[in-house]
Amino acid sequence: MVEAGRITRAEAEALLFEFTKGDALRKHGRAVEVAMRAYAGWFGEKDPAEVEKWGIVGLLHDFDYERWPNDAHSPTEEHPAGGSAILRERGYPEEMIRAIVSHADYCNVPRETPLEHTLFACDELAGFLTACALVKPGKSIFEVEPDSVKRKLKDKAFARGVNRDDVRKGAEELGVPIEEHIAFCIAAMREVADTLGLRGNQAANA
């Protein structure tokens, strides 16, 4: 068990790797993490511990999904309810647990804080941006631009697993125009392109 309020990223990553064996889902957690960290700064958060908290929430939001995908959308079993019980057992703060549970609308936990709104806003979009990058000729996030992402959002046959309504609602909850939200998340993901496997054939100094 980790001590509440003193959870490190290394401990969070170890938990992610314990429950998530698939590389794609691990990278998704990392993508959401980096967007969350960037938005913490956007909201004016200067305390490194708070920025770390935002990042860990992003990293772990789907840590239980591979084990309990919850196709039935149960609010009390499987993802994210099952994961929330594990987080609680291991000493994670309730603020972080509530944020993670709130990103699933079917759990009926209303999003109230900037942390909660930001997780919801970044989750589906990060997955969509990854899909957009992987269909580019160079398979690189550096080839992805907001205008092309907006066009792809209208193509219902592309990345069908991404909920377009959630992408739009997420930006609305943040109070950020969707074009700006898309651009902000692209910029954040470019910062860790190598970790995400999304540099493609772009030069390391791109």
C-alpha atoms as a PDB file:
ATOM      1  CA  MET A   1       0.000   0.000   0.000  1.00  0.00           C
ATOM      2  CA  VAL A   2       1.174   3.525  -0.761  1.00  0.00           C
ATOM      3  CA  GLU A   3       0.676   6.388   1.628  1.00  0.00           C
ATOM      4  CA  ALA A   4      -2.238   8.621   0.641  1.00  0.00           C
ATOM      5  CA  GLY A   5      -1.060  11.921  -0.717  1.00  0.00           C
ATOM      6  CA  ARG A   6       2.450  10.623  -1.423  1.00  0.00           C
ATOM      7  CA  ILE A   7       1.875   8.464  -4.441  1.00  0.00           C
ATOM      8  CA  THR A   8       4.672   8.650  -6.972  1.00  0.00           C
ATOM      9  CA  ARG A   9       4.423   8.266 -10.695  1.00  0.00           C
ATOM     10  CA  ALA A  10       6.652   5.188 -10.481  1.00  0.00           C
ATOM     11  CA  GLU A  11       4.177   3.539  -8.117  1.00  0.00           C
ATOM     12  CA  ALA A  12       1.277   4.471 -10.390  1.00  0.00           C
ATOM     13  CA  GLU A  13       3.055   3.105 -13.446  1.00  0.00           C
ATOM     14  CA  ALA A  14       3.798  -0.137 -11.604  1.00  0.00           C
ATOM     15  CA  LEU A  15       0.088  -0.475 -10.884  1.00  0.00           C
ATOM     16  CA  LEU A  16      -0.775   0.208 -14.520  1.00  0.00           C
ATOM     17  CA  PHE A  17       1.690  -2.437 -15.688  1.00  0.00           C
ATOM     18  CA  GLU A  18       0.397  -4.930 -13.121  1.00  0.00           C
ATOM     19  CA  PHE A  19      -3.117  -4.818 -14.528  1.00  0.00           C
ATOM     20  CA  THR A  20      -2.516  -3.771 -18.137  1.00  0.00           C
ATOM     21  CA  LYS A  21      -0.346  -5.990 -20.310  1.00  0.00           C
ATOM     22  CA  GLY A  22      -1.293  -4.521 -23.685  1.00  0.00           C
ATOM     23  CA  ASP A  23       1.077  -1.917 -25.076  1.00  0.00           C
ATOM     24  CA  ALA A  24      -1.665   0.125 -26.738  1.00  0.00           C
ATOM     25  CA  LEU A  25      -3.620   0.655 -23.527  1.00  0.00           C
ATOM     26  CA  ARG A  26      -0.457   1.501 -21.613  1.00  0.00           C
ATOM     27  CA  LYS A  27       0.372   4.119 -24.225  1.00  0.00           C
ATOM     28  CA  HIS A  28      -3.162   5.462 -24.047  1.00  0.00           C
ATOM     29  CA  GLY A  29      -2.712   6.037 -20.330  1.00  0.00           C
ATOM     30  CA  ARG A  30       0.536   7.873 -21.043  1.00  0.00           C
ATOM     31  CA  ALA A  31      -1.123  10.028 -23.711  1.00  0.00           C
ATOM     32  CA  VAL A  32      -3.904  11.062 -21.359  1.00  0.00           C
ATOM     33  CA  GLU A  33      -1.341  11.639 -18.621  1.00  0.00           C
ATOM     34  CA  VAL A  34       0.683  14.123 -20.653  1.00  0.00           C
ATOM     35  CA  ALA A  35      -2.452  15.990 -21.722  1.00  0.00           C
ATOM     36  CA  MET A  36      -3.580  16.154 -18.098  1.00  0.00           C
ATOM     37  CA  ARG A  37      -0.237  17.530 -16.973  1.00  0.00           C
ATOM     38  CA  ALA A  38      -0.381  20.186 -19.680  1.00  0.00           C
ATOM     39  CA  TYR A  39      -3.896  21.190 -18.692  1.00  0.00           C
ATOM     40  CA  ALA A  40      -2.882  21.413 -15.027  1.00  0.00           C
ATOM     41  CA  GLY A  41      -0.497  24.153 -16.091  1.00  0.00           C
ATOM     42  CA  TRP A  42      -3.158  25.723 -18.285  1.00  0.00           C
ATOM     43  CA  PHE A  43      -5.396  25.953 -15.223  1.00  0.00           C
ATOM     44  CA  GLY A  44      -2.582  27.762 -13.416  1.00  0.00           C
ATOM     45  CA  GLU A  45      -1.429  24.900 -11.232  1.00  0.00           C
ATOM     46  CA  LYS A  46       2.173  25.524 -10.178  1.00  0.00           C
ATOM     47  CA  ASP A  47       2.571  23.023  -7.347  1.00  0.00           C
ATOM     48  CA  PRO A  48       4.581  20.067  -8.752  1.00  0.00           C
ATOM     49  CA  ALA A  49       2.696  17.679  -6.456  1.00  0.00           C
ATOM     50  CA  GLU A  50      -0.629  18.813  -7.895  1.00  0.00           C
ATOM     51  CA  VAL A  51       0.606  18.506 -11.461  1.00  0.00           C
ATOM     52  CA  GLU A  52       1.817  15.000 -10.580  1.00  0.00           C
ATOM     53  CA  LYS A  53      -1.646  14.185  -9.224  1.00  0.00           C
ATOM     54  CA  TRP A  54      -3.288  15.267 -12.459  1.00  0.00           C
ATOM     55  CA  GLY A  55      -0.834  13.165 -14.436  1.00  0.00           C
ATOM     56  CA  ILE A  56      -1.353  10.068 -12.321  1.00  0.00           C
ATOM     57  CA  VAL A  57      -5.123  10.338 -12.708  1.00  0.00           C
ATOM     58  CA  GLY A  58      -4.628  10.338 -16.468  1.00  0.00           C
ATOM     59  CA  LEU A  59      -2.157   7.478 -16.378  1.00  0.00           C
ATOM     60  CA  LEU A  60      -4.425   5.241 -14.293  1.00  0.00           C
ATOM     61  CA  HIS A  61      -7.889   6.122 -15.565  1.00  0.00           C
ATOM     62  CA  ASP A  62      -8.164   2.888 -17.571  1.00  0.00           C
ATOM     63  CA  PHE A  63      -5.742   0.678 -15.633  1.00  0.00           C
ATOM     64  CA  ASP A  64      -8.498  -1.886 -14.922  1.00  0.00           C
ATOM     65  CA  TYR A  65     -10.102  -1.802 -18.365  1.00  0.00           C
ATOM     66  CA  GLU A  66      -8.167  -4.715 -19.841  1.00  0.00           C
ATOM     67  CA  ARG A  67      -9.176  -6.974 -16.973  1.00  0.00           C
ATOM     68  CA  TRP A  68     -12.768  -5.723 -16.666  1.00  0.00           C
ATOM     69  CA  PRO A  69     -13.885  -4.029 -19.890  1.00  0.00           C
ATOM     70  CA  ASN A  70     -17.470  -3.664 -18.628  1.00  0.00           C
ATOM     71  CA  ASP A  71     -19.327  -4.056 -21.906  1.00  0.00           C
ATOM     72  CA  ALA A  72     -22.582  -3.929 -19.917  1.00  0.00           C
ATOM     73  CA  HIS A  73     -21.683  -0.501 -18.518  1.00  0.00           C
ATOM     74  CA  SER A  74     -22.393  -1.531 -14.953  1.00  0.00           C
ATOM     75  CA  PRO A  75     -21.966   1.417 -12.564  1.00  0.00           C
ATOM     76  CA  THR A  76     -20.971  -0.854  -9.678  1.00  0.00           C
ATOM     77  CA  GLU A  77     -18.897  -3.652 -11.234  1.00  0.00           C
ATOM     78  CA  GLU A  78     -15.881  -3.956 -13.536  1.00  0.00           C
ATOM     79  CA  HIS A  79     -14.310  -0.801 -15.064  1.00  0.00           C
ATOM     80  CA  PRO A  80     -13.972   1.685 -13.418  1.00  0.00           C
ATOM     81  CA  ALA A  81     -15.752   0.562 -10.240  1.00  0.00           C
ATOM     82  CA  GLY A  82     -13.502  -2.474  -9.868  1.00  0.00           C
ATOM     83  CA  GLY A  83     -10.422  -0.356 -10.284  1.00  0.00           C
ATOM     84  CA  SER A  84     -11.657   2.224  -7.811  1.00  0.00           C
ATOM     85  CA  ALA A  85     -11.859  -0.465  -5.126  1.00  0.00           C
ATOM     86  CA  ILE A  86      -8.246  -1.447  -5.820  1.00  0.00           C
ATOM     87  CA  LEU A  87      -7.105   2.164  -5.699  1.00  0.00           C
ATOM     88  CA  ARG A  88      -8.891   2.629  -2.399  1.00  0.00           C
ATOM     89  CA  GLU A  89      -7.293  -0.505  -0.955  1.00  0.00           C
ATOM     90  CA  ARG A  90      -3.869   0.759  -1.974  1.00  0.00           C
ATOM     91  CA  GLY A  91      -4.291   4.147  -0.372  1.00  0.00           C
ATOM     92  CA  TYR A  92      -5.056   6.411  -3.295  1.00  0.00           C
ATOM     93  CA  PRO A  93      -6.822   9.669  -2.328  1.00  0.00           C
ATOM     94  CA  GLU A  94     -10.570   9.876  -2.841  1.00  0.00           C
ATOM     95  CA  GLU A  95     -10.142  12.956  -5.039  1.00  0.00           C
ATOM     96  CA  MET A  96      -8.220  10.890  -7.563  1.00  0.00           C
ATOM     97  CA  ILE A  97     -10.587   7.934  -7.342  1.00  0.00           C
ATOM     98  CA  ARG A  98     -13.644  10.122  -7.839  1.00  0.00           C
ATOM     99  CA  ALA A  99     -12.102  11.748 -10.891  1.00  0.00           C
ATOM    100  CA  ILE A 100     -11.394   8.362 -12.446  1.00  0.00           C
ATOM    101  CA  VAL A 101     -14.900   7.053 -11.748  1.00  0.00           C
ATOM    102  CA  SER A 102     -16.479  10.248 -13.082  1.00  0.00           C
ATOM    103  CA  HIS A 103     -14.950   9.827 -16.533  1.00  0.00           C
ATOM    104  CA  ALA A 104     -17.447   7.018 -17.183  1.00  0.00           C
ATOM    105  CA  ASP A 105     -20.867   8.633 -17.558  1.00  0.00           C
ATOM    106  CA  TYR A 106     -22.628   5.372 -16.734  1.00  0.00           C
ATOM    107  CA  CYS A 107     -21.244   5.531 -13.184  1.00  0.00           C
ATOM    108  CA  ASN A 108     -23.499   8.542 -12.585  1.00  0.00           C
ATOM    109  CA  VAL A 109     -20.847  10.527 -10.733  1.00  0.00           C
ATOM    110  CA  PRO A 110     -21.265  14.152 -11.831  1.00  0.00           C
ATOM    111  CA  ARG A 111     -18.061  15.880 -12.873  1.00  0.00           C
ATOM    112  CA  GLU A 112     -17.532  18.961 -10.733  1.00  0.00           C
ATOM    113  CA  THR A 113     -13.844  19.874 -10.574  1.00  0.00           C
ATOM    114  CA  PRO A 114     -11.354  20.959 -13.252  1.00  0.00           C
ATOM    115  CA  LEU A 115      -9.518  17.662 -12.663  1.00  0.00           C
ATOM    116  CA  GLU A 116     -12.659  15.653 -13.417  1.00  0.00           C
ATOM    117  CA  HIS A 117     -13.665  17.718 -16.442  1.00  0.00           C
ATOM    118  CA  THR A 118     -10.163  17.523 -17.878  1.00  0.00           C
ATOM    119  CA  LEU A 119      -9.895  13.749 -17.600  1.00  0.00           C
ATOM    120  CA  PHE A 120     -13.182  13.326 -19.428  1.00  0.00           C
ATOM    121  CA  ALA A 121     -12.137  15.822 -22.095  1.00  0.00           C
ATOM    122  CA  CYS A 122      -8.752  14.232 -22.764  1.00  0.00           C
ATOM    123  CA  ASP A 123      -9.649  10.532 -22.644  1.00  0.00           C
ATOM    124  CA  GLU A 124     -11.525   9.961 -25.894  1.00  0.00           C
ATOM    125  CA  LEU A 125      -9.630  12.667 -27.753  1.00  0.00           C
ATOM    126  CA  ALA A 126      -6.236  11.160 -26.923  1.00  0.00           C
ATOM    127  CA  GLY A 127      -7.375   7.854 -28.370  1.00  0.00           C
ATOM    128  CA  PHE A 128      -8.692   9.575 -31.464  1.00  0.00           C
ATOM    129  CA  LEU A 129      -5.481  11.530 -32.007  1.00  0.00           C
ATOM    130  CA  THR A 130      -3.498   8.309 -31.777  1.00  0.00           C
ATOM    131  CA  ALA A 131      -5.726   6.759 -34.444  1.00  0.00           C
ATOM    132  CA  CYS A 132      -5.288   9.848 -36.633  1.00  0.00           C
ATOM    133  CA  ALA A 133      -1.503   9.635 -36.311  1.00  0.00           C
ATOM    134  CA  LEU A 134      -1.319   5.952 -37.159  1.00  0.00           C
ATOM    135  CA  VAL A 135      -3.084   6.393 -40.507  1.00  0.00           C
ATOM    136  CA  LYS A 136      -0.730   9.143 -41.623  1.00  0.00           C
ATOM    137  CA  PRO A 137       1.985   8.178 -44.137  1.00  0.00           C
ATOM    138  CA  GLY A 138       4.696   8.568 -41.525  1.00  0.00           C
ATOM    139  CA  LYS A 139       2.553   7.265 -38.636  1.00  0.00           C
ATOM    140  CA  SER A 140       3.475  10.369 -36.685  1.00  0.00           C
ATOM    141  CA  ILE A 141       1.643  12.734 -34.335  1.00  0.00           C
ATOM    142  CA  PHE A 142       3.670  15.502 -35.999  1.00  0.00           C
ATOM    143  CA  GLU A 143       1.621  14.974 -39.153  1.00  0.00           C
ATOM    144  CA  VAL A 144      -1.681  15.472 -37.318  1.00  0.00           C
ATOM    145  CA  GLU A 145      -3.295  18.912 -37.505  1.00  0.00           C
ATOM    146  CA  PRO A 146      -6.544  20.165 -35.908  1.00  0.00           C
ATOM    147  CA  ASP A 147      -8.373  20.697 -39.204  1.00  0.00           C
ATOM    148  CA  SER A 148      -7.761  17.121 -40.326  1.00  0.00           C
ATOM    149  CA  VAL A 149      -8.844  15.830 -36.919  1.00  0.00           C
ATOM    150  CA  LYS A 150     -12.128  17.734 -37.166  1.00  0.00           C
ATOM    151  CA  ARG A 151     -12.740  16.194 -40.574  1.00  0.00           C
ATOM    152  CA  LYS A 152     -11.991  12.729 -39.227  1.00  0.00           C
ATOM    153  CA  LEU A 153     -14.460  13.271 -36.385  1.00  0.00           C
ATOM    154  CA  LYS A 154     -17.202  13.584 -39.005  1.00  0.00           C
ATOM    155  CA  ASP A 155     -16.194  10.272 -40.585  1.00  0.00           C
ATOM    156  CA  LYS A 156     -18.194   7.764 -38.566  1.00  0.00           C
ATOM    157  CA  ALA A 157     -16.407   4.829 -40.159  1.00  0.00           C
ATOM    158  CA  PHE A 158     -13.040   5.960 -38.797  1.00  0.00           C
ATOM    159  CA  ALA A 159     -12.016   4.903 -35.265  1.00  0.00           C
ATOM    160  CA  ARG A 160     -15.551   3.753 -34.512  1.00  0.00           C
ATOM    161  CA  GLY A 161     -14.727   3.023 -30.893  1.00  0.00           C
ATOM    162  CA  VAL A 162     -14.271   6.712 -30.130  1.00  0.00           C
ATOM    163  CA  ASN A 163     -17.388   8.443 -28.868  1.00  0.00           C
ATOM    164  CA  ARG A 164     -17.664  11.683 -30.876  1.00  0.00           C
ATOM    165  CA  ASP A 165     -20.258  13.104 -28.507  1.00  0.00           C
ATOM    166  CA  ASP A 166     -17.849  12.670 -25.592  1.00  0.00           C
ATOM    167  CA  VAL A 167     -15.100  14.471 -27.514  1.00  0.00           C
ATOM    168  CA  ARG A 168     -17.378  17.437 -28.141  1.00  0.00           C
ATOM    169  CA  LYS A 169     -18.898  17.401 -24.674  1.00  0.00           C
ATOM    170  CA  GLY A 170     -15.452  17.250 -23.119  1.00  0.00           C
ATOM    171  CA  ALA A 171     -14.372  20.453 -24.820  1.00  0.00           C
ATOM    172  CA  GLU A 172     -17.639  22.092 -23.814  1.00  0.00           C
ATOM    173  CA  GLU A 173     -17.134  21.108 -20.170  1.00  0.00           C
ATOM    174  CA  LEU A 174     -13.691  22.691 -20.236  1.00  0.00           C
ATOM    175  CA  GLY A 175     -15.073  25.798 -21.876  1.00  0.00           C
ATOM    176  CA  VAL A 176     -12.483  25.501 -24.641  1.00  0.00           C
ATOM    177  CA  PRO A 177     -13.320  25.675 -28.381  1.00  0.00           C
ATOM    178  CA  ILE A 178     -12.863  22.208 -29.791  1.00  0.00           C
ATOM    179  CA  GLU A 179     -10.239  23.376 -32.297  1.00  0.00           C
ATOM    180  CA  GLU A 180      -8.128  24.743 -29.441  1.00  0.00           C
ATOM    181  CA  HIS A 181      -8.649  21.633 -27.349  1.00  0.00           C
ATOM    182  CA  ILE A 182      -7.512  19.431 -30.218  1.00  0.00           C
ATOM    183  CA  ALA A 183      -4.448  21.594 -30.869  1.00  0.00           C
ATOM    184  CA  PHE A 184      -3.571  21.652 -27.164  1.00  0.00           C
ATOM    185  CA  CYS A 185      -3.669  17.866 -26.864  1.00  0.00           C
ATOM    186  CA  ILE A 186      -1.699  17.377 -30.086  1.00  0.00           C
ATOM    187  CA  ALA A 187       1.026  19.656 -28.739  1.00  0.00           C
ATOM    188  CA  ALA A 188       1.112  17.767 -25.436  1.00  0.00           C
ATOM    189  CA  MET A 189       1.344  14.377 -27.135  1.00  0.00           C
ATOM    190  CA  ARG A 190       4.133  15.593 -29.410  1.00  0.00           C
ATOM    191  CA  GLU A 191       6.223  16.224 -26.287  1.00  0.00           C
ATOM    192  CA  VAL A 192       6.297  12.470 -25.580  1.00  0.00           C
ATOM    193  CA  ALA A 193       5.995  11.177 -29.135  1.00  0.00           C
ATOM    194  CA  ASP A 194       8.741   8.610 -28.644  1.00  0.00           C
ATOM    195  CA  THR A 195       7.124   7.166 -25.523  1.00  0.00           C
ATOM    196  CA  LEU A 196       3.811   6.930 -27.349  1.00  0.00           C
ATOM    197  CA  GLY A 197       5.365   5.322 -30.411  1.00  0.00           C
ATOM    198  CA  LEU A 198       4.065   8.210 -32.483  1.00  0.00           C
ATOM    199  CA  ARG A 199       7.193   9.899 -33.754  1.00  0.00           C
ATOM    200  CA  GLY A 200       7.040   7.782 -36.872  1.00  0.00           C
ATOM    201  CA  ASN A 201       9.624   8.787 -39.443  1.00  0.00           C
ATOM    202  CA  GLN A 202       9.936  12.334 -38.126  1.00  0.00           C
ATOM    203  CA  ALA A 203      13.371  13.517 -37.043  1.00  0.00           C
ATOM    204  CA  ALA A 204      14.083  13.458 -33.310  1.00  0.00           C
ATOM    205  CA  ASN A 205      14.204  17.274 -33.232  1.00  0.00           C
ATOM    206  CA  ALA A 206      10.870  17.681 -35.021  1.00  0.00           C
END
